[in-house]
């Protein structure tokens, strides 16, 4: 995937209010949406309003995957971060 296409991924996140709000700046540092290139296959950290942090592929978020804790998709609560 070209760098132009990867930059488009970051732009798509920035333009989506939910995704940009849930982008976990602290755990994704030193990478940022403004300065780094990402591919849809990259795994990055997300932070939900409920306080849960999880790692997921960017493409999964584009397809509607949300917080596993809020969605009830956690197998074990001990994995809560």
PDB file of N, CA and C in Angstrom:
ATOM      1  N   UNK A   1       0.859  -1.177   0.000  1.00  0.00           N
ATOM      2  CA  UNK A   1       0.000   0.000   0.000  1.00  0.00           C
ATOM      3  C   UNK A   1       0.899   1.232   0.000  1.00  0.00           C
ATOM      4  N   UNK A   2       0.590   2.193  -0.820  1.00  0.00           N
ATOM      5  CA  UNK A   2       1.421   3.385  -0.927  1.00  0.00           C
ATOM      6  C   UNK A   2       1.240   4.307   0.265  1.00  0.00           C
ATOM      7  N   UNK A   3       2.199   5.215   0.442  1.00  0.00           N
ATOM      8  CA  UNK A   3       2.104   6.164   1.550  1.00  0.00           C
ATOM      9  C   UNK A   3       0.903   7.073   1.381  1.00  0.00           C
ATOM     10  N   UNK A   4       0.527   7.383   0.158  1.00  0.00           N
ATOM     11  CA  UNK A   4      -0.647   8.223  -0.071  1.00  0.00           C
ATOM     12  C   UNK A   4      -1.889   7.508   0.453  1.00  0.00           C
ATOM     13  N   UNK A   5      -2.010   6.229   0.155  1.00  0.00           N
ATOM     14  CA  UNK A   5      -3.165   5.467   0.626  1.00  0.00           C
ATOM     15  C   UNK A   5      -3.154   5.365   2.149  1.00  0.00           C
ATOM     16  N   UNK A   6      -1.985   5.176   2.736  1.00  0.00           N
ATOM     17  CA  UNK A   6      -1.891   5.080   4.186  1.00  0.00           C
ATOM     18  C   UNK A   6      -2.286   6.393   4.846  1.00  0.00           C
ATOM     19  N   UNK A   7      -1.920   7.498   4.259  1.00  0.00           N
ATOM     20  CA  UNK A   7      -2.297   8.792   4.813  1.00  0.00           C
ATOM     21  C   UNK A   7      -3.810   8.951   4.770  1.00  0.00           C
ATOM     22  N   UNK A   8      -4.437   8.399   3.748  1.00  0.00           N
ATOM     23  CA  UNK A   8      -5.883   8.451   3.640  1.00  0.00           C
ATOM     24  C   UNK A   8      -6.549   7.736   4.811  1.00  0.00           C
ATOM     25  N   UNK A   9      -5.922   6.673   5.297  1.00  0.00           N
ATOM     26  CA  UNK A   9      -6.461   5.958   6.452  1.00  0.00           C
ATOM     27  C   UNK A   9      -6.519   6.894   7.655  1.00  0.00           C
ATOM     28  N   UNK A  10      -5.432   7.600   7.933  1.00  0.00           N
ATOM     29  CA  UNK A  10      -5.401   8.542   9.059  1.00  0.00           C
ATOM     30  C   UNK A  10      -6.426   9.657   8.855  1.00  0.00           C
ATOM     31  N   UNK A  11      -6.568  10.131   7.642  1.00  0.00           N
ATOM     32  CA  UNK A  11      -7.546  11.179   7.368  1.00  0.00           C
ATOM     33  C   UNK A  11      -8.959  10.684   7.617  1.00  0.00           C
ATOM     34  N   UNK A  12      -9.218   9.435   7.255  1.00  0.00           N
ATOM     35  CA  UNK A  12     -10.561   8.865   7.496  1.00  0.00           C
ATOM     36  C   UNK A  12     -10.860   8.793   8.983  1.00  0.00           C
ATOM     37  N   UNK A  13      -9.863   8.429   9.779  1.00  0.00           N
ATOM     38  CA  UNK A  13     -10.059   8.382  11.227  1.00  0.00           C
ATOM     39  C   UNK A  13     -10.318   9.781  11.769  1.00  0.00           C
ATOM     40  N   UNK A  14      -9.518  10.738  11.336  1.00  0.00           N
ATOM     41  CA  UNK A  14      -9.671  12.114  11.816  1.00  0.00           C
ATOM     42  C   UNK A  14     -11.033  12.691  11.453  1.00  0.00           C
ATOM     43  N   UNK A  15     -11.573  12.296  10.321  1.00  0.00           N
ATOM     44  CA  UNK A  15     -12.858  12.826   9.865  1.00  0.00           C
ATOM     45  C   UNK A  15     -14.053  12.146  10.537  1.00  0.00           C
ATOM     46  N   UNK A  16     -13.834  11.000  11.166  1.00  0.00           N
ATOM     47  CA  UNK A  16     -14.913  10.283  11.844  1.00  0.00           C
ATOM     48  C   UNK A  16     -14.911  10.683  13.317  1.00  0.00           C
ATOM     49  N   UNK A  17     -15.963  11.341  13.796  1.00  0.00           N
ATOM     50  CA  UNK A  17     -15.971  11.820  15.182  1.00  0.00           C
ATOM     51  C   UNK A  17     -15.766  10.723  16.218  1.00  0.00           C
ATOM     52  N   UNK A  18     -16.383   9.558  16.038  1.00  0.00           N
ATOM     53  CA  UNK A  18     -16.240   8.481  17.012  1.00  0.00           C
ATOM     54  C   UNK A  18     -14.833   7.901  16.994  1.00  0.00           C
ATOM     55  N   UNK A  19     -14.319   7.594  15.808  1.00  0.00           N
ATOM     56  CA  UNK A  19     -12.986   7.003  15.718  1.00  0.00           C
ATOM     57  C   UNK A  19     -11.914   7.967  16.221  1.00  0.00           C
ATOM     58  N   UNK A  20     -12.009   9.219  15.858  1.00  0.00           N
ATOM     59  CA  UNK A  20     -10.992  10.168  16.314  1.00  0.00           C
ATOM     60  C   UNK A  20     -11.067  10.372  17.824  1.00  0.00           C
ATOM     61  N   UNK A  21     -12.255  10.288  18.392  1.00  0.00           N
ATOM     62  CA  UNK A  21     -12.411  10.415  19.837  1.00  0.00           C
ATOM     63  C   UNK A  21     -11.855   9.190  20.554  1.00  0.00           C
ATOM     64  N   UNK A  22     -11.995   8.017  19.956  1.00  0.00           N
ATOM     65  CA  UNK A  22     -11.556   6.781  20.597  1.00  0.00           C
ATOM     66  C   UNK A  22     -10.099   6.415  20.302  1.00  0.00           C
ATOM     67  N   UNK A  23      -9.440   7.161  19.438  1.00  0.00           N
ATOM     68  CA  UNK A  23      -8.020   6.949  19.170  1.00  0.00           C
ATOM     69  C   UNK A  23      -7.264   7.169  20.476  1.00  0.00           C
ATOM     70  N   UNK A  24      -6.472   6.207  20.912  1.00  0.00           N
ATOM     71  CA  UNK A  24      -5.745   6.301  22.181  1.00  0.00           C
ATOM     72  C   UNK A  24      -4.364   6.915  21.934  1.00  0.00           C
ATOM     73  N   UNK A  25      -4.289   8.232  22.067  1.00  0.00           N
ATOM     74  CA  UNK A  25      -3.047   8.956  21.782  1.00  0.00           C
ATOM     75  C   UNK A  25      -1.898   8.497  22.672  1.00  0.00           C
ATOM     76  N   UNK A  26      -2.186   8.253  23.940  1.00  0.00           N
ATOM     77  CA  UNK A  26      -1.136   7.879  24.896  1.00  0.00           C
ATOM     78  C   UNK A  26      -0.502   6.535  24.534  1.00  0.00           C
ATOM     79  N   UNK A  27      -1.316   5.547  24.245  1.00  0.00           N
ATOM     80  CA  UNK A  27      -0.781   4.209  23.964  1.00  0.00           C
ATOM     81  C   UNK A  27      -0.256   4.062  22.544  1.00  0.00           C
ATOM     82  N   UNK A  28      -0.680   4.926  21.632  1.00  0.00           N
ATOM     83  CA  UNK A  28      -0.187   4.868  20.263  1.00  0.00           C
ATOM     84  C   UNK A  28       1.056   5.732  20.065  1.00  0.00           C
ATOM     85  N   UNK A  29       1.435   6.490  21.093  1.00  0.00           N
ATOM     86  CA  UNK A  29       2.627   7.341  20.999  1.00  0.00           C
ATOM     87  C   UNK A  29       3.866   6.477  20.778  1.00  0.00           C
ATOM     88  N   UNK A  30       4.816   6.929  20.015  1.00  0.00           N
ATOM     89  CA  UNK A  30       4.981   8.272  19.481  1.00  0.00           C
ATOM     90  C   UNK A  30       4.246   8.504  18.160  1.00  0.00           C
ATOM     91  N   UNK A  31       3.549   7.473  17.654  1.00  0.00           N
ATOM     92  CA  UNK A  31       2.793   7.651  16.411  1.00  0.00           C
ATOM     93  C   UNK A  31       1.565   8.507  16.673  1.00  0.00           C
ATOM     94  N   UNK A  32       1.246   9.355  15.729  1.00  0.00           N
ATOM     95  CA  UNK A  32       0.027  10.148  15.818  1.00  0.00           C
ATOM     96  C   UNK A  32      -0.645  10.160  14.455  1.00  0.00           C
ATOM     97  N   UNK A  33      -1.911  10.453  14.454  1.00  0.00           N
ATOM     98  CA  UNK A  33      -2.653  10.487  13.191  1.00  0.00           C
ATOM     99  C   UNK A  33      -2.151  11.592  12.273  1.00  0.00           C
ATOM    100  N   UNK A  34      -1.662  12.655  12.862  1.00  0.00           N
ATOM    101  CA  UNK A  34      -1.221  13.798  12.072  1.00  0.00           C
ATOM    102  C   UNK A  34       0.153  13.595  11.444  1.00  0.00           C
ATOM    103  N   UNK A  35       0.997  12.752  12.052  1.00  0.00           N
ATOM    104  CA  UNK A  35       2.380  12.661  11.582  1.00  0.00           C
ATOM    105  C   UNK A  35       2.797  11.289  11.070  1.00  0.00           C
ATOM    106  N   UNK A  36       2.001  10.260  11.288  1.00  0.00           N
ATOM    107  CA  UNK A  36       2.392   8.907  10.891  1.00  0.00           C
ATOM    108  C   UNK A  36       1.491   8.379   9.786  1.00  0.00           C
ATOM    109  N   UNK A  37       2.023   7.423   9.043  1.00  0.00           N
ATOM    110  CA  UNK A  37       1.247   6.759   7.995  1.00  0.00           C
ATOM    111  C   UNK A  37       0.782   5.405   8.513  1.00  0.00           C
ATOM    112  N   UNK A  38      -0.468   5.094   8.269  1.00  0.00           N
ATOM    113  CA  UNK A  38      -1.049   3.845   8.741  1.00  0.00           C
ATOM    114  C   UNK A  38      -1.700   3.108   7.590  1.00  0.00           C
ATOM    115  N   UNK A  39      -1.744   1.803   7.731  1.00  0.00           N
ATOM    116  CA  UNK A  39      -2.454   0.956   6.790  1.00  0.00           C
ATOM    117  C   UNK A  39      -3.682   0.408   7.503  1.00  0.00           C
ATOM    118  N   UNK A  40      -4.667  -0.023   6.761  1.00  0.00           N
ATOM    119  CA  UNK A  40      -5.878  -0.596   7.361  1.00  0.00           C
ATOM    120  C   UNK A  40      -5.562  -1.861   8.148  1.00  0.00           C
ATOM    121  N   UNK A  41      -4.447  -2.520   7.839  1.00  0.00           N
ATOM    122  CA  UNK A  41      -4.070  -3.754   8.523  1.00  0.00           C
ATOM    123  C   UNK A  41      -3.286  -3.512   9.809  1.00  0.00           C
ATOM    124  N   UNK A  42      -2.960  -2.264  10.115  1.00  0.00           N
ATOM    125  CA  UNK A  42      -2.202  -1.958  11.322  1.00  0.00           C
ATOM    126  C   UNK A  42      -3.071  -2.116  12.565  1.00  0.00           C
ATOM    127  N   UNK A  43      -2.463  -2.670  13.603  1.00  0.00           N
ATOM    128  CA  UNK A  43      -3.120  -2.760  14.903  1.00  0.00           C
ATOM    129  C   UNK A  43      -2.764  -1.514  15.695  1.00  0.00           C
ATOM    130  N   UNK A  44      -3.757  -0.864  16.266  1.00  0.00           N
ATOM    131  CA  UNK A  44      -3.540   0.325  17.079  1.00  0.00           C
ATOM    132  C   UNK A  44      -4.430   0.250  18.320  1.00  0.00           C
ATOM    133  N   UNK A  45      -4.164   1.118  19.275  1.00  0.00           N
ATOM    134  CA  UNK A  45      -4.920   1.160  20.521  1.00  0.00           C
ATOM    135  C   UNK A  45      -6.101   2.105  20.402  1.00  0.00           C
ATOM    136  N   UNK A  46      -7.201   1.723  21.035  1.00  0.00           N
ATOM    137  CA  UNK A  46      -8.419   2.519  21.086  1.00  0.00           C
ATOM    138  C   UNK A  46      -8.844   2.660  22.546  1.00  0.00           C
ATOM    139  N   UNK A  47      -9.545   3.709  22.867  1.00  0.00           N
ATOM    140  CA  UNK A  47     -10.031   3.961  24.228  1.00  0.00           C
ATOM    141  C   UNK A  47     -11.508   4.323  24.158  1.00  0.00           C
ATOM    142  N   UNK A  48     -12.325   3.578  24.885  1.00  0.00           N
ATOM    143  CA  UNK A  48     -13.768   3.816  24.901  1.00  0.00           C
ATOM    144  C   UNK A  48     -14.127   4.808  26.001  1.00  0.00           C
ATOM    145  N   UNK A  49     -15.291   5.404  25.873  1.00  0.00           N
ATOM    146  CA  UNK A  49     -15.780   6.329  26.897  1.00  0.00           C
ATOM    147  C   UNK A  49     -15.983   5.621  28.238  1.00  0.00           C
ATOM    148  N   UNK A  50     -16.133   4.284  28.206  1.00  0.00           N
ATOM    149  CA  UNK A  50     -16.311   3.514  29.446  1.00  0.00           C
ATOM    150  C   UNK A  50     -14.996   3.325  30.194  1.00  0.00           C
ATOM    151  N   UNK A  51     -13.885   3.689  29.548  1.00  0.00           N
ATOM    152  CA  UNK A  51     -12.578   3.575  30.176  1.00  0.00           C
ATOM    153  C   UNK A  51     -11.774   2.372  29.738  1.00  0.00           C
ATOM    154  N   UNK A  52     -12.360   1.491  28.932  1.00  0.00           N
ATOM    155  CA  UNK A  52     -11.667   0.300  28.466  1.00  0.00           C
ATOM    156  C   UNK A  52     -10.738   0.647  27.310  1.00  0.00           C
ATOM    157  N   UNK A  53      -9.536   0.045  27.299  1.00  0.00           N
ATOM    158  CA  UNK A  53      -8.564   0.198  26.214  1.00  0.00           C
ATOM    159  C   UNK A  53      -8.433  -1.145  25.520  1.00  0.00           C
ATOM    160  N   UNK A  54      -8.374  -1.147  24.206  1.00  0.00           N
ATOM    161  CA  UNK A  54      -8.184  -2.393  23.468  1.00  0.00           C
ATOM    162  C   UNK A  54      -7.413  -2.117  22.196  1.00  0.00           C
ATOM    163  N   UNK A  55      -6.844  -3.193  21.650  1.00  0.00           N
ATOM    164  CA  UNK A  55      -6.078  -3.092  20.414  1.00  0.00           C
ATOM    165  C   UNK A  55      -6.884  -3.784  19.313  1.00  0.00           C
ATOM    166  N   UNK A  56      -6.925  -3.137  18.157  1.00  0.00           N
ATOM    167  CA  UNK A  56      -7.706  -3.676  17.044  1.00  0.00           C
ATOM    168  C   UNK A  56      -7.146  -3.140  15.735  1.00  0.00           C
ATOM    169  N   UNK A  57      -7.370  -3.899  14.670  1.00  0.00           N
ATOM    170  CA  UNK A  57      -6.999  -3.413  13.344  1.00  0.00           C
ATOM    171  C   UNK A  57      -7.856  -2.200  12.988  1.00  0.00           C
ATOM    172  N   UNK A  58      -7.256  -1.269  12.305  1.00  0.00           N
ATOM    173  CA  UNK A  58      -7.981  -0.074  11.873  1.00  0.00           C
ATOM    174  C   UNK A  58      -9.157  -0.466  10.987  1.00  0.00           C
ATOM    175  N   UNK A  59      -8.955  -1.422  10.076  1.00  0.00           N
ATOM    176  CA  UNK A  59     -10.040  -1.818   9.171  1.00  0.00           C
ATOM    177  C   UNK A  59     -11.246  -2.348   9.931  1.00  0.00           C
ATOM    178  N   UNK A  60     -11.009  -3.021  11.064  1.00  0.00           N
ATOM    179  CA  UNK A  60     -12.130  -3.533  11.843  1.00  0.00           C
ATOM    180  C   UNK A  60     -12.988  -2.393  12.375  1.00  0.00           C
ATOM    181  N   UNK A  61     -12.357  -1.294  12.742  1.00  0.00           N
ATOM    182  CA  UNK A  61     -13.101  -0.136  13.216  1.00  0.00           C
ATOM    183  C   UNK A  61     -13.900   0.493  12.078  1.00  0.00           C
ATOM    184  N   UNK A  62     -13.322   0.507  10.870  1.00  0.00           N
ATOM    185  CA  UNK A  62     -14.043   1.044   9.715  1.00  0.00           C
ATOM    186  C   UNK A  62     -15.294   0.218   9.422  1.00  0.00           C
ATOM    187  N   UNK A  63     -15.238  -1.078   9.738  1.00  0.00           N
ATOM    188  CA  UNK A  63     -16.381  -1.963   9.486  1.00  0.00           C
ATOM    189  C   UNK A  63     -17.352  -2.011  10.651  1.00  0.00           C
ATOM    190  N   UNK A  64     -17.154  -1.137  11.639  1.00  0.00           N
ATOM    191  CA  UNK A  64     -18.135  -1.015  12.706  1.00  0.00           C
ATOM    192  C   UNK A  64     -17.815  -1.715  14.006  1.00  0.00           C
ATOM    193  N   UNK A  65     -16.648  -2.359  14.106  1.00  0.00           N
ATOM    194  CA  UNK A  65     -16.293  -2.992  15.373  1.00  0.00           C
ATOM    195  C   UNK A  65     -16.104  -1.913  16.432  1.00  0.00           C
ATOM    196  N   UNK A  66     -16.723  -2.108  17.570  1.00  0.00           N
ATOM    197  CA  UNK A  66     -16.613  -1.143  18.653  1.00  0.00           C
ATOM    198  C   UNK A  66     -15.927  -1.733  19.868  1.00  0.00           C
ATOM    199  N   UNK A  67     -16.157  -1.118  20.983  1.00  0.00           N
ATOM    200  CA  UNK A  67     -15.556  -1.536  22.248  1.00  0.00           C
ATOM    201  C   UNK A  67     -16.035  -2.937  22.619  1.00  0.00           C
ATOM    202  N   UNK A  68     -15.117  -3.882  22.825  1.00  0.00           N
ATOM    203  CA  UNK A  68     -15.529  -5.239  23.176  1.00  0.00           C
ATOM    204  C   UNK A  68     -16.206  -5.321  24.547  1.00  0.00           C
ATOM    205  N   UNK A  69     -15.871  -4.428  25.449  1.00  0.00           N
ATOM    206  CA  UNK A  69     -16.511  -4.445  26.765  1.00  0.00           C
ATOM    207  C   UNK A  69     -17.962  -3.994  26.648  1.00  0.00           C
ATOM    208  N   UNK A  70     -18.197  -2.890  25.958  1.00  0.00           N
ATOM    209  CA  UNK A  70     -19.569  -2.384  25.780  1.00  0.00           C
ATOM    210  C   UNK A  70     -20.422  -3.326  24.941  1.00  0.00           C
ATOM    211  N   UNK A  71     -19.789  -4.014  23.982  1.00  0.00           N
ATOM    212  CA  UNK A  71     -20.522  -4.931  23.106  1.00  0.00           C
ATOM    213  C   UNK A  71     -20.727  -6.301  23.728  1.00  0.00           C
ATOM    214  N   UNK A  72     -20.143  -6.539  24.907  1.00  0.00           N
ATOM    215  CA  UNK A  72     -20.277  -7.835  25.558  1.00  0.00           C
ATOM    216  C   UNK A  72     -19.462  -8.924  24.906  1.00  0.00           C
ATOM    217  N   UNK A  73     -18.394  -8.556  24.200  1.00  0.00           N
ATOM    218  CA  UNK A  73     -17.592  -9.541  23.484  1.00  0.00           C
ATOM    219  C   UNK A  73     -16.330  -9.976  24.212  1.00  0.00           C
ATOM    220  N   UNK A  74     -16.192  -9.616  25.480  1.00  0.00           N
ATOM    221  CA  UNK A  74     -15.022 -10.069  26.233  1.00  0.00           C
ATOM    222  C   UNK A  74     -15.295 -11.441  26.823  1.00  0.00           C
ATOM    223  N   UNK A  75     -14.384 -12.354  26.588  1.00  0.00           N
ATOM    224  CA  UNK A  75     -14.548 -13.698  27.138  1.00  0.00           C
ATOM    225  C   UNK A  75     -14.245 -13.710  28.630  1.00  0.00           C
ATOM    226  N   UNK A  76     -13.247 -12.938  29.009  1.00  0.00           N
ATOM    227  CA  UNK A  76     -12.838 -12.909  30.413  1.00  0.00           C
ATOM    228  C   UNK A  76     -12.687 -11.467  30.853  1.00  0.00           C
ATOM    229  N   UNK A  77     -13.349 -11.104  31.900  1.00  0.00           N
ATOM    230  CA  UNK A  77     -13.281  -9.737  32.396  1.00  0.00           C
ATOM    231  C   UNK A  77     -11.888  -9.387  32.909  1.00  0.00           C
ATOM    232  N   UNK A  78     -11.057 -10.410  33.218  1.00  0.00           N
ATOM    233  CA  UNK A  78      -9.724 -10.136  33.730  1.00  0.00           C
ATOM    234  C   UNK A  78      -8.818  -9.484  32.682  1.00  0.00           C
ATOM    235  N   UNK A  79      -9.221  -9.508  31.424  1.00  0.00           N
ATOM    236  CA  UNK A  79      -8.424  -8.885  30.374  1.00  0.00           C
ATOM    237  C   UNK A  79      -8.666  -7.382  30.292  1.00  0.00           C
ATOM    238  N   UNK A  80      -9.527  -6.857  31.125  1.00  0.00           N
ATOM    239  CA  UNK A  80      -9.784  -5.425  31.115  1.00  0.00           C
ATOM    240  C   UNK A  80      -8.506  -4.678  31.439  1.00  0.00           C
ATOM    241  N   UNK A  81      -8.252  -3.659  30.661  1.00  0.00           N
ATOM    242  CA  UNK A  81      -7.030  -2.868  30.825  1.00  0.00           C
ATOM    243  C   UNK A  81      -7.398  -1.525  31.400  1.00  0.00           C
TER     244      UNK A  81
END
